[in-house]
C-alpha atoms as a PDB file:
ATOM      1  CA  MET A   1     163.033  54.183 117.809  1.00  0.00           C
ATOM      2  CA  THR A   2     160.060  52.992 119.862  1.00  0.00           C
ATOM      3  CA  LEU A   3     157.149  51.332 118.116  1.00  0.00           C
ATOM      4  CA  LEU A   4     153.720  52.840 118.772  1.00  0.00           C
ATOM      5  CA  ALA A   5     150.533  51.281 117.456  1.00  0.00           C
ATOM      6  CA  LEU A   6     147.256  53.123 117.420  1.00  0.00           C
ATOM      7  CA  LEU A   7     143.864  51.490 117.154  1.00  0.00           C
ATOM      8  CA  ARG A   8     140.497  53.256 117.113  1.00  0.00           C
ATOM      9  CA  HIS A   9     137.868  51.746 119.374  1.00  0.00           C
ATOM     10  CA  ALA A  10     135.289  49.390 117.840  1.00  0.00           C
ATOM     11  CA  GLU A  11     131.953  50.550 116.526  1.00  0.00           C
ATOM     12  CA  THR A  12     129.417  52.356 118.687  1.00  0.00           C
ATOM     13  CA  ALA A  13     125.804  53.245 117.857  1.00  0.00           C
ATOM     14  CA  TRP A  14     126.911  56.851 117.381  1.00  0.00           C
ATOM     15  CA  SER A  15     129.840  55.979 115.081  1.00  0.00           C
ATOM     16  CA  ALA A  16     127.506  53.827 112.977  1.00  0.00           C
ATOM     17  CA  GLN A  17     125.265  56.894 112.592  1.00  0.00           C
ATOM     18  CA  ARG A  18     128.317  59.100 111.869  1.00  0.00           C
ATOM     19  CA  ARG A  19     127.536  61.221 114.942  1.00  0.00           C
ATOM     20  CA  ILE A  20     130.381  63.119 116.592  1.00  0.00           C
ATOM     21  CA  GLN A  21     131.144  61.340 119.879  1.00  0.00           C
ATOM     22  CA  GLY A  22     133.844  63.585 121.308  1.00  0.00           C
ATOM     23  CA  ARG A  23     134.003  63.108 125.047  1.00  0.00           C
ATOM     24  CA  ALA A  24     130.563  61.459 125.297  1.00  0.00           C
ATOM     25  CA  ASP A  25     131.061  58.133 127.002  1.00  0.00           C
ATOM     26  CA  VAL A  26     129.212  56.102 124.365  1.00  0.00           C
ATOM     27  CA  PRO A  27     129.632  52.294 124.834  1.00  0.00           C
ATOM     28  CA  LEU A  28     130.416  49.821 122.070  1.00  0.00           C
ATOM     29  CA  SER A  29     127.428  48.620 120.054  1.00  0.00           C
ATOM     30  CA  ASP A  30     126.506  44.930 119.960  1.00  0.00           C
ATOM     31  CA  ALA A  31     127.773  44.879 116.384  1.00  0.00           C
ATOM     32  CA  GLY A  32     131.107  46.373 117.485  1.00  0.00           C
ATOM     33  CA  ARG A  33     131.480  43.829 120.276  1.00  0.00           C
ATOM     34  CA  GLU A  34     130.594  40.929 117.990  1.00  0.00           C
ATOM     35  CA  ARG A  35     133.095  41.938 115.305  1.00  0.00           C
ATOM     36  CA  LEU A  36     135.857  42.391 117.866  1.00  0.00           C
ATOM     37  CA  ARG A  37     135.201  39.007 119.485  1.00  0.00           C
ATOM     38  CA  SER A  38     136.247  37.316 116.207  1.00  0.00           C
ATOM     39  CA  MET A  39     139.468  39.371 115.878  1.00  0.00           C
ATOM     40  CA  LYS A  40     142.899  39.507 117.488  1.00  0.00           C
ATOM     41  CA  LEU A  41     145.818  41.833 117.317  1.00  0.00           C
ATOM     42  CA  PRO A  42     148.111  41.528 114.260  1.00  0.00           C
ATOM     43  CA  GLU A  43     151.510  39.893 114.734  1.00  0.00           C
ATOM     44  CA  ALA A  44     153.258  43.275 114.761  1.00  0.00           C
ATOM     45  CA  CYS A  45     151.384  44.208 117.991  1.00  0.00           C
ATOM     46  CA  ARG A  46     151.691  40.989 119.957  1.00  0.00           C
ATOM     47  CA  GLY A  47     153.406  41.414 123.272  1.00  0.00           C
ATOM     48  CA  MET A  48     153.059  45.207 123.240  1.00  0.00           C
ATOM     49  CA  ARG A  49     152.102  47.097 126.360  1.00  0.00           C
ATOM     50  CA  ILE A  50     148.432  48.166 125.897  1.00  0.00           C
ATOM     51  CA  VAL A  51     146.957  51.420 127.153  1.00  0.00           C
ATOM     52  CA  ALA A  52     143.467  52.836 126.590  1.00  0.00           C
ATOM     53  CA  SER A  53     141.717  56.113 126.573  1.00  0.00           C
ATOM     54  CA  PRO A  54     139.537  56.374 129.716  1.00  0.00           C
ATOM     55  CA  LEU A  55     136.324  56.386 127.685  1.00  0.00           C
ATOM     56  CA  ALA A  56     134.283  53.170 127.953  1.00  0.00           C
ATOM     57  CA  ARG A  57     134.431  52.392 124.245  1.00  0.00           C
ATOM     58  CA  CYS A  58     138.248  52.224 124.369  1.00  0.00           C
ATOM     59  CA  VAL A  59     138.424  50.388 127.680  1.00  0.00           C
ATOM     60  CA  GLU A  60     136.031  47.750 126.355  1.00  0.00           C
ATOM     61  CA  THR A  61     137.857  47.450 123.045  1.00  0.00           C
ATOM     62  CA  ALA A  62     141.120  46.804 124.940  1.00  0.00           C
ATOM     63  CA  ALA A  63     139.393  44.218 127.149  1.00  0.00           C
ATOM     64  CA  LEU A  64     137.966  42.371 124.134  1.00  0.00           C
ATOM     65  CA  LEU A  65     141.453  42.263 122.653  1.00  0.00           C
ATOM     66  CA  GLY A  66     142.802  40.571 125.791  1.00  0.00           C
ATOM     67  CA  ALA A  67     143.804  43.525 127.962  1.00  0.00           C
ATOM     68  CA  PRO A  68     141.021  43.959 130.543  1.00  0.00           C
ATOM     69  CA  ASP A  69     143.390  45.727 132.948  1.00  0.00           C
ATOM     70  CA  ALA A  70     144.936  48.125 130.389  1.00  0.00           C
ATOM     71  CA  PRO A  71     146.014  51.314 132.109  1.00  0.00           C
ATOM     72  CA  ARG A  72     143.918  54.366 131.278  1.00  0.00           C
ATOM     73  CA  GLU A  73     145.793  57.240 129.701  1.00  0.00           C
ATOM     74  CA  PRO A  74     143.787  60.499 129.843  1.00  0.00           C
ATOM     75  CA  ARG A  75     146.025  62.307 127.343  1.00  0.00           C
ATOM     76  CA  ILE A  76     144.802  60.024 124.498  1.00  0.00           C
ATOM     77  CA  ILE A  77     141.087  60.825 125.094  1.00  0.00           C
ATOM     78  CA  GLU A  78     139.146  61.972 122.051  1.00  0.00           C
ATOM     79  CA  MET A  79     139.185  65.559 120.805  1.00  0.00           C
ATOM     80  CA  ASP A  80     136.718  67.716 122.678  1.00  0.00           C
ATOM     81  CA  TRP A  81     133.948  68.625 120.220  1.00  0.00           C
ATOM     82  CA  GLY A  82     132.227  70.907 122.696  1.00  0.00           C
ATOM     83  CA  ASP A  83     128.774  72.085 121.670  1.00  0.00           C
ATOM     84  CA  TRP A  84     128.871  69.974 118.481  1.00  0.00           C
ATOM     85  CA  GLN A  85     129.037  66.626 120.238  1.00  0.00           C
ATOM     86  CA  GLY A  86     126.175  64.443 119.118  1.00  0.00           C
ATOM     87  CA  ASP A  87     125.696  66.156 115.755  1.00  0.00           C
ATOM     88  CA  THR A  88     126.900  64.874 112.383  1.00  0.00           C
ATOM     89  CA  LEU A  89     129.217  66.890 110.167  1.00  0.00           C
ATOM     90  CA  GLU A  90     126.460  67.075 107.591  1.00  0.00           C
ATOM     91  CA  GLN A  91     124.087  68.638 110.176  1.00  0.00           C
ATOM     92  CA  LEU A  92     126.741  71.142 111.186  1.00  0.00           C
ATOM     93  CA  ARG A  93     127.509  72.101 107.581  1.00  0.00           C
ATOM     94  CA  ARG A  94     123.801  72.685 106.890  1.00  0.00           C
ATOM     95  CA  ARG A  95     123.227  74.607 110.080  1.00  0.00           C
ATOM     96  CA  LEU A  96     126.399  76.715 110.112  1.00  0.00           C
ATOM     97  CA  GLY A  97     126.968  77.143 106.337  1.00  0.00           C
ATOM     98  CA  GLN A  98     129.809  79.452 105.430  1.00  0.00           C
ATOM     99  CA  ALA A  99     131.048  79.729 109.045  1.00  0.00           C
ATOM    100  CA  MET A 100     131.529  75.953 109.156  1.00  0.00           C
ATOM    101  CA  ARG A 101     133.370  75.949 105.788  1.00  0.00           C
ATOM    102  CA  GLU A 102     135.692  78.692 107.041  1.00  0.00           C
ATOM    103  CA  ASN A 103     136.357  76.839 110.291  1.00  0.00           C
ATOM    104  CA  GLU A 104     137.068  73.561 108.475  1.00  0.00           C
ATOM    105  CA  ALA A 105     139.511  75.403 106.221  1.00  0.00           C
ATOM    106  CA  GLN A 106     141.606  76.198 109.283  1.00  0.00           C
ATOM    107  CA  GLY A 107     143.076  72.684 109.284  1.00  0.00           C
ATOM    108  CA  LEU A 108     144.950  72.086 112.505  1.00  0.00           C
ATOM    109  CA  ASP A 109     143.288  75.132 114.002  1.00  0.00           C
ATOM    110  CA  PHE A 110     139.698  74.023 113.231  1.00  0.00           C
ATOM    111  CA  THR A 111     137.908  74.503 116.541  1.00  0.00           C
ATOM    112  CA  PRO A 112     134.421  73.272 117.406  1.00  0.00           C
ATOM    113  CA  ALA A 113     132.309  75.690 119.449  1.00  0.00           C
ATOM    114  CA  GLY A 114     133.377  75.170 123.080  1.00  0.00           C
ATOM    115  CA  GLY A 115     135.849  72.413 122.065  1.00  0.00           C
ATOM    116  CA  GLU A 116     139.508  71.917 121.169  1.00  0.00           C
ATOM    117  CA  SER A 117     141.394  72.025 117.860  1.00  0.00           C
ATOM    118  CA  PRO A 118     143.514  69.204 116.414  1.00  0.00           C
ATOM    119  CA  ARG A 119     146.574  71.350 117.232  1.00  0.00           C
ATOM    120  CA  MET A 120     145.408  71.325 120.903  1.00  0.00           C
ATOM    121  CA  VAL A 121     145.054  67.547 120.718  1.00  0.00           C
ATOM    122  CA  LEU A 122     148.563  67.241 119.343  1.00  0.00           C
ATOM    123  CA  HIS A 123     149.886  69.476 122.108  1.00  0.00           C
ATOM    124  CA  ARG A 124     148.033  67.331 124.716  1.00  0.00           C
ATOM    125  CA  ILE A 125     149.494  64.045 123.448  1.00  0.00           C
ATOM    126  CA  THR A 126     153.041  65.303 122.939  1.00  0.00           C
ATOM    127  CA  SER A 127     154.094  64.820 126.580  1.00  0.00           C
ATOM    128  CA  TRP A 128     152.678  61.293 126.483  1.00  0.00           C
ATOM    129  CA  LEU A 129     154.587  60.497 123.264  1.00  0.00           C
ATOM    130  CA  GLN A 130     157.790  61.639 124.957  1.00  0.00           C
ATOM    131  CA  GLU A 131     157.133  59.127 127.787  1.00  0.00           C
ATOM    132  CA  VAL A 132     156.481  56.072 125.584  1.00  0.00           C
ATOM    133  CA  SER A 133     159.636  54.038 125.975  1.00  0.00           C
ATOM    134  CA  VAL A 134     158.498  50.461 125.237  1.00  0.00           C
ATOM    135  CA  PRO A 135     156.468  49.122 122.291  1.00  0.00           C
ATOM    136  CA  THR A 136     152.926  50.262 123.039  1.00  0.00           C
ATOM    137  CA  LEU A 137     149.480  49.816 121.544  1.00  0.00           C
ATOM    138  CA  ALA A 138     147.064  52.654 122.363  1.00  0.00           C
ATOM    139  CA  VAL A 139     143.366  52.079 121.984  1.00  0.00           C
ATOM    140  CA  THR A 140     142.210  55.589 121.228  1.00  0.00           C
ATOM    141  CA  HIS A 141     140.115  57.737 118.924  1.00  0.00           C
ATOM    142  CA  ARG A 142     139.971  59.061 115.377  1.00  0.00           C
ATOM    143  CA  GLY A 143     140.935  62.636 116.427  1.00  0.00           C
ATOM    144  CA  VAL A 144     144.067  61.434 118.232  1.00  0.00           C
ATOM    145  CA  ILE A 145     145.108  59.207 115.334  1.00  0.00           C
ATOM    146  CA  ARG A 146     144.596  62.036 112.791  1.00  0.00           C
ATOM    147  CA  ALA A 147     146.611  64.439 114.947  1.00  0.00           C
ATOM    148  CA  LEU A 148     149.500  61.966 115.171  1.00  0.00           C
ATOM    149  CA  LEU A 149     149.360  61.365 111.401  1.00  0.00           C
ATOM    150  CA  ALA A 150     149.515  65.151 110.867  1.00  0.00           C
ATOM    151  CA  ALA A 151     152.613  65.390 113.068  1.00  0.00           C
ATOM    152  CA  ALA A 152     154.288  62.403 111.383  1.00  0.00           C
ATOM    153  CA  CYS A 153     153.689  63.628 107.862  1.00  0.00           C
ATOM    154  CA  GLY A 154     153.838  67.380 108.242  1.00  0.00           C
ATOM    155  CA  TRP A 155     150.129  67.550 107.197  1.00  0.00           C
ATOM    156  CA  ASP A 156     148.445  70.760 108.247  1.00  0.00           C
ATOM    157  CA  MET A 157     144.990  69.145 107.870  1.00  0.00           C
ATOM    158  CA  ARG A 158     144.124  71.371 105.011  1.00  0.00           C
ATOM    159  CA  GLY A 159     143.107  69.348 102.000  1.00  0.00           C
ATOM    160  CA  ALA A 160     143.174  65.581 101.700  1.00  0.00           C
ATOM    161  CA  PRO A 161     145.074  63.551 104.265  1.00  0.00           C
ATOM    162  CA  PRO A 162     148.394  62.088 103.169  1.00  0.00           C
ATOM    163  CA  ALA A 163     146.908  58.572 103.414  1.00  0.00           C
ATOM    164  CA  LYS A 164     143.456  56.990 103.654  1.00  0.00           C
ATOM    165  CA  LEU A 165     143.003  55.460 107.065  1.00  0.00           C
ATOM    166  CA  ASP A 166     141.024  52.293 107.743  1.00  0.00           C
ATOM    167  CA  TRP A 167     139.425  53.021 111.094  1.00  0.00           C
ATOM    168  CA  SER A 168     139.173  49.309 111.996  1.00  0.00           C
ATOM    169  CA  ALA A 169     142.921  48.758 111.439  1.00  0.00           C
ATOM    170  CA  VAL A 170     146.093  49.374 113.489  1.00  0.00           C
ATOM    171  CA  HIS A 171     148.358  52.221 112.525  1.00  0.00           C
ATOM    172  CA  LEU A 172     152.087  51.796 113.317  1.00  0.00           C
ATOM    173  CA  PHE A 173     154.369  54.696 114.064  1.00  0.00           C
ATOM    174  CA  GLU A 174     157.994  54.909 115.250  1.00  0.00           C
ATOM    175  CA  LEU A 175     158.880  57.488 117.935  1.00  0.00           C
ATOM    176  CA  ASP A 176     162.343  58.961 118.164  1.00  0.00           C
ATOM    177  CA  ALA A 177     163.992  59.733 121.540  1.00  0.00           C
ATOM    178  CA  GLN A 178     162.073  63.053 121.758  1.00  0.00           C
ATOM    179  CA  GLY A 179     158.725  61.366 120.979  1.00  0.00           C
ATOM    180  CA  ARG A 180     158.521  62.666 117.392  1.00  0.00           C
ATOM    181  CA  PRO A 181     156.452  60.264 115.256  1.00  0.00           C
ATOM    182  CA  ARG A 182     157.262  58.754 111.891  1.00  0.00           C
ATOM    183  CA  VAL A 183     154.842  56.531 109.973  1.00  0.00           C
ATOM    184  CA  ARG A 184     155.983  52.909 109.889  1.00  0.00           C
ATOM    185  CA  GLN A 185     152.873  51.255 108.393  1.00  0.00           C
ATOM    186  CA  LEU A 186     149.253  52.260 108.193  1.00  0.00           C
ATOM    187  CA  ASN A 187     146.110  50.126 107.924  1.00  0.00           C
ATOM    188  CA  VAL A 188     147.414  46.896 109.468  1.00  0.00           C
ATOM    189  CA  LYS A 189     144.376  44.640 109.608  1.00  0.00           C
ATOM    190  CA  LEU A 190     143.365  42.881 112.778  1.00  0.00           C
ATOM    191  CA  ALA A 191     143.786  39.119 112.443  1.00  0.00           C
ATOM    192  CA  SER A 192     140.927  36.680 112.450  1.00  0.00           C
ATOM    193  CA  GLY A 193     140.601  35.050 115.834  1.00  0.00           C
END
């Protein structure tokens, strides 16, 4: 089994406003940078190879955690929210009404207008998971972490998730030889630096 740790990027102005970032290259906010400067990786992640989504918020998060030259991995980029990027879920629910409720009820097949579904995200990251052969920390996004949790737990993304995730914590998974994930430990707090 290969250990894989996933960490969502630090706060951005859009995430603080609960706006859907998707592929928008939104930088970290001053508050996100400040919080991260006082943190370090937990013991379970020390010495791991670090990779980052190519979006600036992940690259900067990796740099602030001591990996300024972390390789960029395009397969762990955020879910494409298409036409809905920049909106909040509340705005979409008000604007789209029943159509939005029906789309959300699709679970893994929920698809934003012009975007990709969580199932598509999972398909995209599968080849990368099969290549991870050394303990690795991936600085990534909420959509990628949720897709991996779905695969690890058999969750179809209908109804409540199998666990509540702390988006400022590290989530540890074990990958078998085929890259299939299993939850090892969720919500591992960053250490005070």
